[in-house]
């Protein structure tokens, strides 16, 4: 069985291998979601969070003042 061989090659039990890949696939599936359904209470809370005033974060100023790591 190819899955068993892959688990052995990864030095994992079959269960650990399958669970690790299932969790990874689940995270990818959730990250790719473009539409989310919210009930009325969650929608109200979400809108309240969006309507909050911005908070100044000096650590972000410091971070953004640094050159990008990919820029040479």
PDB file of N, CA and C in Angstrom:
ATOM      1  N   UNK A   1       0.850  -1.171   0.000  1.00  0.00           N
ATOM      2  CA  UNK A   1       0.000   0.000   0.000  1.00  0.00           C
ATOM      3  C   UNK A   1       0.899   1.239   0.000  1.00  0.00           C
ATOM      4  N   UNK A   2       0.632   2.171  -0.873  1.00  0.00           N
ATOM      5  CA  UNK A   2       1.472   3.346  -1.044  1.00  0.00           C
ATOM      6  C   UNK A   2       1.451   4.232   0.199  1.00  0.00           C
ATOM      7  N   UNK A   3       0.324   4.327   0.877  1.00  0.00           N
ATOM      8  CA  UNK A   3       0.250   5.163   2.075  1.00  0.00           C
ATOM      9  C   UNK A   3       1.128   4.582   3.179  1.00  0.00           C
ATOM     10  N   UNK A   4       1.091   3.285   3.327  1.00  0.00           N
ATOM     11  CA  UNK A   4       1.929   2.631   4.330  1.00  0.00           C
ATOM     12  C   UNK A   4       3.402   2.880   4.039  1.00  0.00           C
ATOM     13  N   UNK A   5       3.799   2.773   2.775  1.00  0.00           N
ATOM     14  CA  UNK A   5       5.200   3.016   2.415  1.00  0.00           C
ATOM     15  C   UNK A   5       5.605   4.453   2.687  1.00  0.00           C
ATOM     16  N   UNK A   6       4.711   5.382   2.401  1.00  0.00           N
ATOM     17  CA  UNK A   6       5.009   6.798   2.665  1.00  0.00           C
ATOM     18  C   UNK A   6       5.148   7.046   4.165  1.00  0.00           C
ATOM     19  N   UNK A   7       4.297   6.425   4.957  1.00  0.00           N
ATOM     20  CA  UNK A   7       4.386   6.561   6.417  1.00  0.00           C
ATOM     21  C   UNK A   7       5.718   6.016   6.913  1.00  0.00           C
ATOM     22  N   UNK A   8       6.098   4.863   6.415  1.00  0.00           N
ATOM     23  CA  UNK A   8       7.375   4.265   6.811  1.00  0.00           C
ATOM     24  C   UNK A   8       8.545   5.145   6.398  1.00  0.00           C
ATOM     25  N   UNK A   9       8.479   5.701   5.208  1.00  0.00           N
ATOM     26  CA  UNK A   9       9.544   6.571   4.729  1.00  0.00           C
ATOM     27  C   UNK A   9       9.647   7.842   5.573  1.00  0.00           C
ATOM     28  N   UNK A  10       8.533   8.245   6.164  1.00  0.00           N
ATOM     29  CA  UNK A  10       8.507   9.429   7.030  1.00  0.00           C
ATOM     30  C   UNK A  10       8.780   9.087   8.488  1.00  0.00           C
ATOM     31  N   UNK A  11       9.032   7.793   8.735  1.00  0.00           N
ATOM     32  CA  UNK A  11       9.278   7.314  10.099  1.00  0.00           C
ATOM     33  C   UNK A  11       8.103   7.628  11.023  1.00  0.00           C
ATOM     34  N   UNK A  12       6.894   7.399  10.506  1.00  0.00           N
ATOM     35  CA  UNK A  12       5.671   7.632  11.266  1.00  0.00           C
ATOM     36  C   UNK A  12       4.815   6.376  11.215  1.00  0.00           C
ATOM     37  N   UNK A  13       3.934   6.270  12.193  1.00  0.00           N
ATOM     38  CA  UNK A  13       2.944   5.198  12.103  1.00  0.00           C
ATOM     39  C   UNK A  13       1.958   5.579  11.008  1.00  0.00           C
ATOM     40  N   UNK A  14       1.241   4.610  10.534  1.00  0.00           N
ATOM     41  CA  UNK A  14       0.235   4.886   9.509  1.00  0.00           C
ATOM     42  C   UNK A  14      -0.783   5.893  10.035  1.00  0.00           C
ATOM     43  N   UNK A  15      -1.210   5.713  11.269  1.00  0.00           N
ATOM     44  CA  UNK A  15      -2.189   6.623  11.864  1.00  0.00           C
ATOM     45  C   UNK A  15      -1.645   8.050  11.935  1.00  0.00           C
ATOM     46  N   UNK A  16      -0.419   8.206  12.442  1.00  0.00           N
ATOM     47  CA  UNK A  16       0.167   9.547  12.545  1.00  0.00           C
ATOM     48  C   UNK A  16       0.303  10.201  11.180  1.00  0.00           C
ATOM     49  N   UNK A  17       0.720   9.421  10.208  1.00  0.00           N
ATOM     50  CA  UNK A  17       0.890   9.940   8.854  1.00  0.00           C
ATOM     51  C   UNK A  17      -0.445  10.421   8.283  1.00  0.00           C
ATOM     52  N   UNK A  18      -1.453   9.585   8.394  1.00  0.00           N
ATOM     53  CA  UNK A  18      -2.766   9.922   7.832  1.00  0.00           C
ATOM     54  C   UNK A  18      -3.368  11.116   8.561  1.00  0.00           C
ATOM     55  N   UNK A  19      -3.264  11.133   9.878  1.00  0.00           N
ATOM     56  CA  UNK A  19      -3.823  12.262  10.639  1.00  0.00           C
ATOM     57  C   UNK A  19      -3.090  13.552  10.283  1.00  0.00           C
ATOM     58  N   UNK A  20      -1.768  13.499  10.195  1.00  0.00           N
ATOM     59  CA  UNK A  20      -1.004  14.707   9.851  1.00  0.00           C
ATOM     60  C   UNK A  20      -1.433  15.271   8.506  1.00  0.00           C
ATOM     61  N   UNK A  21      -1.612  14.399   7.543  1.00  0.00           N
ATOM     62  CA  UNK A  21      -2.018  14.878   6.218  1.00  0.00           C
ATOM     63  C   UNK A  21      -3.476  15.307   6.187  1.00  0.00           C
ATOM     64  N   UNK A  22      -4.312  14.670   6.959  1.00  0.00           N
ATOM     65  CA  UNK A  22      -5.718  15.083   7.023  1.00  0.00           C
ATOM     66  C   UNK A  22      -5.835  16.470   7.654  1.00  0.00           C
ATOM     67  N   UNK A  23      -5.071  16.714   8.717  1.00  0.00           N
ATOM     68  CA  UNK A  23      -5.089  18.033   9.359  1.00  0.00           C
ATOM     69  C   UNK A  23      -4.561  19.090   8.394  1.00  0.00           C
ATOM     70  N   UNK A  24      -3.502  18.792   7.685  1.00  0.00           N
ATOM     71  CA  UNK A  24      -2.951  19.733   6.721  1.00  0.00           C
ATOM     72  C   UNK A  24      -3.974  20.055   5.623  1.00  0.00           C
ATOM     73  N   UNK A  25      -4.632  19.035   5.113  1.00  0.00           N
ATOM     74  CA  UNK A  25      -5.651  19.245   4.076  1.00  0.00           C
ATOM     75  C   UNK A  25      -6.815  20.060   4.619  1.00  0.00           C
ATOM     76  N   UNK A  26      -7.227  19.802   5.849  1.00  0.00           N
ATOM     77  CA  UNK A  26      -8.328  20.542   6.453  1.00  0.00           C
ATOM     78  C   UNK A  26      -7.975  22.015   6.605  1.00  0.00           C
ATOM     79  N   UNK A  27      -6.739  22.300   7.033  1.00  0.00           N
ATOM     80  CA  UNK A  27      -6.302  23.692   7.165  1.00  0.00           C
ATOM     81  C   UNK A  27      -6.318  24.389   5.808  1.00  0.00           C
ATOM     82  N   UNK A  28      -5.858  23.703   4.780  1.00  0.00           N
ATOM     83  CA  UNK A  28      -5.877  24.283   3.431  1.00  0.00           C
ATOM     84  C   UNK A  28      -7.300  24.525   2.961  1.00  0.00           C
ATOM     85  N   UNK A  29      -8.184  23.585   3.208  1.00  0.00           N
ATOM     86  CA  UNK A  29      -9.584  23.745   2.803  1.00  0.00           C
ATOM     87  C   UNK A  29     -10.209  24.957   3.484  1.00  0.00           C
ATOM     88  N   UNK A  30      -9.943  25.117   4.767  1.00  0.00           N
ATOM     89  CA  UNK A  30     -10.512  26.251   5.486  1.00  0.00           C
ATOM     90  C   UNK A  30      -9.880  27.565   5.056  1.00  0.00           C
ATOM     91  N   UNK A  31      -8.597  27.568   4.763  1.00  0.00           N
ATOM     92  CA  UNK A  31      -7.916  28.791   4.339  1.00  0.00           C
ATOM     93  C   UNK A  31      -8.400  29.253   2.974  1.00  0.00           C
ATOM     94  N   UNK A  32      -8.849  28.327   2.144  1.00  0.00           N
ATOM     95  CA  UNK A  32      -9.300  28.668   0.799  1.00  0.00           C
ATOM     96  C   UNK A  32     -10.744  29.152   0.748  1.00  0.00           C
ATOM     97  N   UNK A  33     -11.409  29.137   1.878  1.00  0.00           N
ATOM     98  CA  UNK A  33     -12.809  29.565   1.875  1.00  0.00           C
ATOM     99  C   UNK A  33     -12.892  31.050   1.569  1.00  0.00           C
ATOM    100  N   UNK A  34     -13.795  31.404   0.714  1.00  0.00           N
ATOM    101  CA  UNK A  34     -13.992  32.810   0.367  1.00  0.00           C
ATOM    102  C   UNK A  34     -15.286  33.352   0.949  1.00  0.00           C
ATOM    103  N   UNK A  35     -16.198  32.486   1.293  1.00  0.00           N
ATOM    104  CA  UNK A  35     -17.483  32.892   1.824  1.00  0.00           C
ATOM    105  C   UNK A  35     -17.693  32.235   3.179  1.00  0.00           C
ATOM    106  N   UNK A  36     -18.097  33.038   4.141  1.00  0.00           N
ATOM    107  CA  UNK A  36     -18.351  32.542   5.483  1.00  0.00           C
ATOM    108  C   UNK A  36     -19.766  32.919   5.864  1.00  0.00           C
ATOM    109  N   UNK A  37     -20.443  32.032   6.513  1.00  0.00           N
ATOM    110  CA  UNK A  37     -21.792  32.311   6.991  1.00  0.00           C
ATOM    111  C   UNK A  37     -21.727  32.616   8.478  1.00  0.00           C
ATOM    112  N   UNK A  38     -22.387  33.697   8.858  1.00  0.00           N
ATOM    113  CA  UNK A  38     -22.428  34.096  10.255  1.00  0.00           C
ATOM    114  C   UNK A  38     -23.883  34.207  10.694  1.00  0.00           C
ATOM    115  N   UNK A  39     -24.139  33.792  11.926  1.00  0.00           N
ATOM    116  CA  UNK A  39     -25.480  34.017  12.452  1.00  0.00           C
ATOM    117  C   UNK A  39     -25.577  35.492  12.847  1.00  0.00           C
ATOM    118  N   UNK A  40     -26.760  35.932  13.251  1.00  0.00           N
ATOM    119  CA  UNK A  40     -26.997  37.350  13.534  1.00  0.00           C
ATOM    120  C   UNK A  40     -26.071  37.883  14.629  1.00  0.00           C
ATOM    121  N   UNK A  41     -25.859  37.111  15.691  1.00  0.00           N
ATOM    122  CA  UNK A  41     -24.999  37.566  16.796  1.00  0.00           C
ATOM    123  C   UNK A  41     -23.552  37.704  16.338  1.00  0.00           C
ATOM    124  N   UNK A  42     -23.067  36.740  15.580  1.00  0.00           N
ATOM    125  CA  UNK A  42     -21.686  36.797  15.087  1.00  0.00           C
ATOM    126  C   UNK A  42     -21.515  37.960  14.114  1.00  0.00           C
ATOM    127  N   UNK A  43     -22.524  38.202  13.270  1.00  0.00           N
ATOM    128  CA  UNK A  43     -22.456  39.314  12.316  1.00  0.00           C
ATOM    129  C   UNK A  43     -22.394  40.649  13.056  1.00  0.00           C
ATOM    130  N   UNK A  44     -23.205  40.790  14.094  1.00  0.00           N
ATOM    131  CA  UNK A  44     -23.211  42.018  14.888  1.00  0.00           C
ATOM    132  C   UNK A  44     -21.865  42.229  15.561  1.00  0.00           C
ATOM    133  N   UNK A  45     -21.295  41.171  16.114  1.00  0.00           N
ATOM    134  CA  UNK A  45     -19.975  41.266  16.746  1.00  0.00           C
ATOM    135  C   UNK A  45     -18.904  41.620  15.718  1.00  0.00           C
ATOM    136  N   UNK A  46     -18.976  41.009  14.543  1.00  0.00           N
ATOM    137  CA  UNK A  46     -18.018  41.285  13.476  1.00  0.00           C
ATOM    138  C   UNK A  46     -18.092  42.755  13.064  1.00  0.00           C
ATOM    139  N   UNK A  47     -19.283  43.272  12.888  1.00  0.00           N
ATOM    140  CA  UNK A  47     -19.443  44.678  12.503  1.00  0.00           C
ATOM    141  C   UNK A  47     -18.907  45.606  13.592  1.00  0.00           C
ATOM    142  N   UNK A  48     -19.141  45.260  14.851  1.00  0.00           N
ATOM    143  CA  UNK A  48     -18.638  46.084  15.953  1.00  0.00           C
ATOM    144  C   UNK A  48     -17.114  46.115  15.949  1.00  0.00           C
ATOM    145  N   UNK A  49     -16.487  44.982  15.665  1.00  0.00           N
ATOM    146  CA  UNK A  49     -15.027  44.940  15.595  1.00  0.00           C
ATOM    147  C   UNK A  49     -14.504  45.799  14.453  1.00  0.00           C
ATOM    148  N   UNK A  50     -15.190  45.770  13.316  1.00  0.00           N
ATOM    149  CA  UNK A  50     -14.766  46.590  12.176  1.00  0.00           C
ATOM    150  C   UNK A  50     -14.957  48.080  12.446  1.00  0.00           C
ATOM    151  N   UNK A  51     -15.955  48.424  13.246  1.00  0.00           N
ATOM    152  CA  UNK A  51     -16.264  49.823  13.514  1.00  0.00           C
ATOM    153  C   UNK A  51     -15.412  50.434  14.618  1.00  0.00           C
ATOM    154  N   UNK A  52     -14.611  49.624  15.315  1.00  0.00           N
ATOM    155  CA  UNK A  52     -13.765  50.160  16.380  1.00  0.00           C
ATOM    156  C   UNK A  52     -12.756  51.128  15.793  1.00  0.00           C
ATOM    157  N   UNK A  53     -12.397  52.150  16.578  1.00  0.00           N
ATOM    158  CA  UNK A  53     -11.357  53.054  16.079  1.00  0.00           C
ATOM    159  C   UNK A  53     -10.013  52.334  15.994  1.00  0.00           C
ATOM    160  N   UNK A  54      -9.202  52.790  15.078  1.00  0.00           N
ATOM    161  CA  UNK A  54      -7.871  52.194  14.918  1.00  0.00           C
ATOM    162  C   UNK A  54      -7.034  52.483  16.158  1.00  0.00           C
ATOM    163  N   UNK A  55      -6.147  51.549  16.468  1.00  0.00           N
ATOM    164  CA  UNK A  55      -5.251  51.697  17.612  1.00  0.00           C
ATOM    165  C   UNK A  55      -3.825  51.801  17.068  1.00  0.00           C
ATOM    166  N   UNK A  56      -3.125  52.862  17.489  1.00  0.00           N
ATOM    167  CA  UNK A  56      -1.747  53.046  17.048  1.00  0.00           C
ATOM    168  C   UNK A  56      -0.856  52.028  17.735  1.00  0.00           C
ATOM    169  N   UNK A  57      -0.036  51.350  16.961  1.00  0.00           N
ATOM    170  CA  UNK A  57       0.863  50.327  17.494  1.00  0.00           C
ATOM    171  C   UNK A  57       2.295  50.705  17.113  1.00  0.00           C
ATOM    172  N   UNK A  58       3.049  51.256  18.062  1.00  0.00           N
ATOM    173  CA  UNK A  58       4.425  51.671  17.758  1.00  0.00           C
ATOM    174  C   UNK A  58       5.297  50.536  17.226  1.00  0.00           C
ATOM    175  N   UNK A  59       5.055  49.319  17.668  1.00  0.00           N
ATOM    176  CA  UNK A  59       5.861  48.194  17.176  1.00  0.00           C
ATOM    177  C   UNK A  59       5.671  48.006  15.669  1.00  0.00           C
ATOM    178  N   UNK A  60       4.464  48.288  15.164  1.00  0.00           N
ATOM    179  CA  UNK A  60       4.250  48.194  13.715  1.00  0.00           C
ATOM    180  C   UNK A  60       4.998  49.290  12.975  1.00  0.00           C
ATOM    181  N   UNK A  61       5.035  50.498  13.555  1.00  0.00           N
ATOM    182  CA  UNK A  61       5.821  51.575  12.936  1.00  0.00           C
ATOM    183  C   UNK A  61       7.274  51.145  12.789  1.00  0.00           C
ATOM    184  N   UNK A  62       7.813  50.552  13.845  1.00  0.00           N
ATOM    185  CA  UNK A  62       9.202  50.090  13.828  1.00  0.00           C
ATOM    186  C   UNK A  62       9.402  49.007  12.772  1.00  0.00           C
ATOM    187  N   UNK A  63       8.458  48.075  12.711  1.00  0.00           N
ATOM    188  CA  UNK A  63       8.552  46.983  11.738  1.00  0.00           C
ATOM    189  C   UNK A  63       8.504  47.512  10.307  1.00  0.00           C
ATOM    190  N   UNK A  64       7.562  48.407  10.033  1.00  0.00           N
ATOM    191  CA  UNK A  64       7.413  48.911   8.670  1.00  0.00           C
ATOM    192  C   UNK A  64       8.533  49.864   8.272  1.00  0.00           C
ATOM    193  N   UNK A  65       9.260  50.396   9.240  1.00  0.00           N
ATOM    194  CA  UNK A  65      10.389  51.275   8.934  1.00  0.00           C
ATOM    195  C   UNK A  65      11.608  50.485   8.467  1.00  0.00           C
ATOM    196  N   UNK A  66      11.623  49.197   8.730  1.00  0.00           N
ATOM    197  CA  UNK A  66      12.751  48.360   8.319  1.00  0.00           C
ATOM    198  C   UNK A  66      12.642  48.023   6.831  1.00  0.00           C
ATOM    199  N   UNK A  67      13.773  47.837   6.157  1.00  0.00           N
ATOM    200  CA  UNK A  67      13.699  47.446   4.750  1.00  0.00           C
ATOM    201  C   UNK A  67      13.119  46.029   4.609  1.00  0.00           C
ATOM    202  N   UNK A  68      12.447  45.808   3.521  1.00  0.00           N
ATOM    203  CA  UNK A  68      11.877  44.487   3.266  1.00  0.00           C
ATOM    204  C   UNK A  68      12.996  43.471   3.170  1.00  0.00           C
ATOM    205  N   UNK A  69      12.823  42.286   3.752  1.00  0.00           N
ATOM    206  CA  UNK A  69      13.881  41.288   3.721  1.00  0.00           C
ATOM    207  C   UNK A  69      14.181  40.764   2.316  1.00  0.00           C
ATOM    208  N   UNK A  70      13.228  40.895   1.402  1.00  0.00           N
ATOM    209  CA  UNK A  70      13.434  40.383   0.049  1.00  0.00           C
ATOM    210  C   UNK A  70      14.041  41.442  -0.864  1.00  0.00           C
ATOM    211  N   UNK A  71      14.129  42.695  -0.391  1.00  0.00           N
ATOM    212  CA  UNK A  71      14.696  43.765  -1.219  1.00  0.00           C
ATOM    213  C   UNK A  71      16.206  43.792  -1.027  1.00  0.00           C
ATOM    214  N   UNK A  72      16.930  43.900  -2.116  1.00  0.00           N
ATOM    215  CA  UNK A  72      18.400  43.973  -2.057  1.00  0.00           C
ATOM    216  C   UNK A  72      18.871  45.367  -2.370  1.00  0.00           C
TER     217      UNK A  72
END
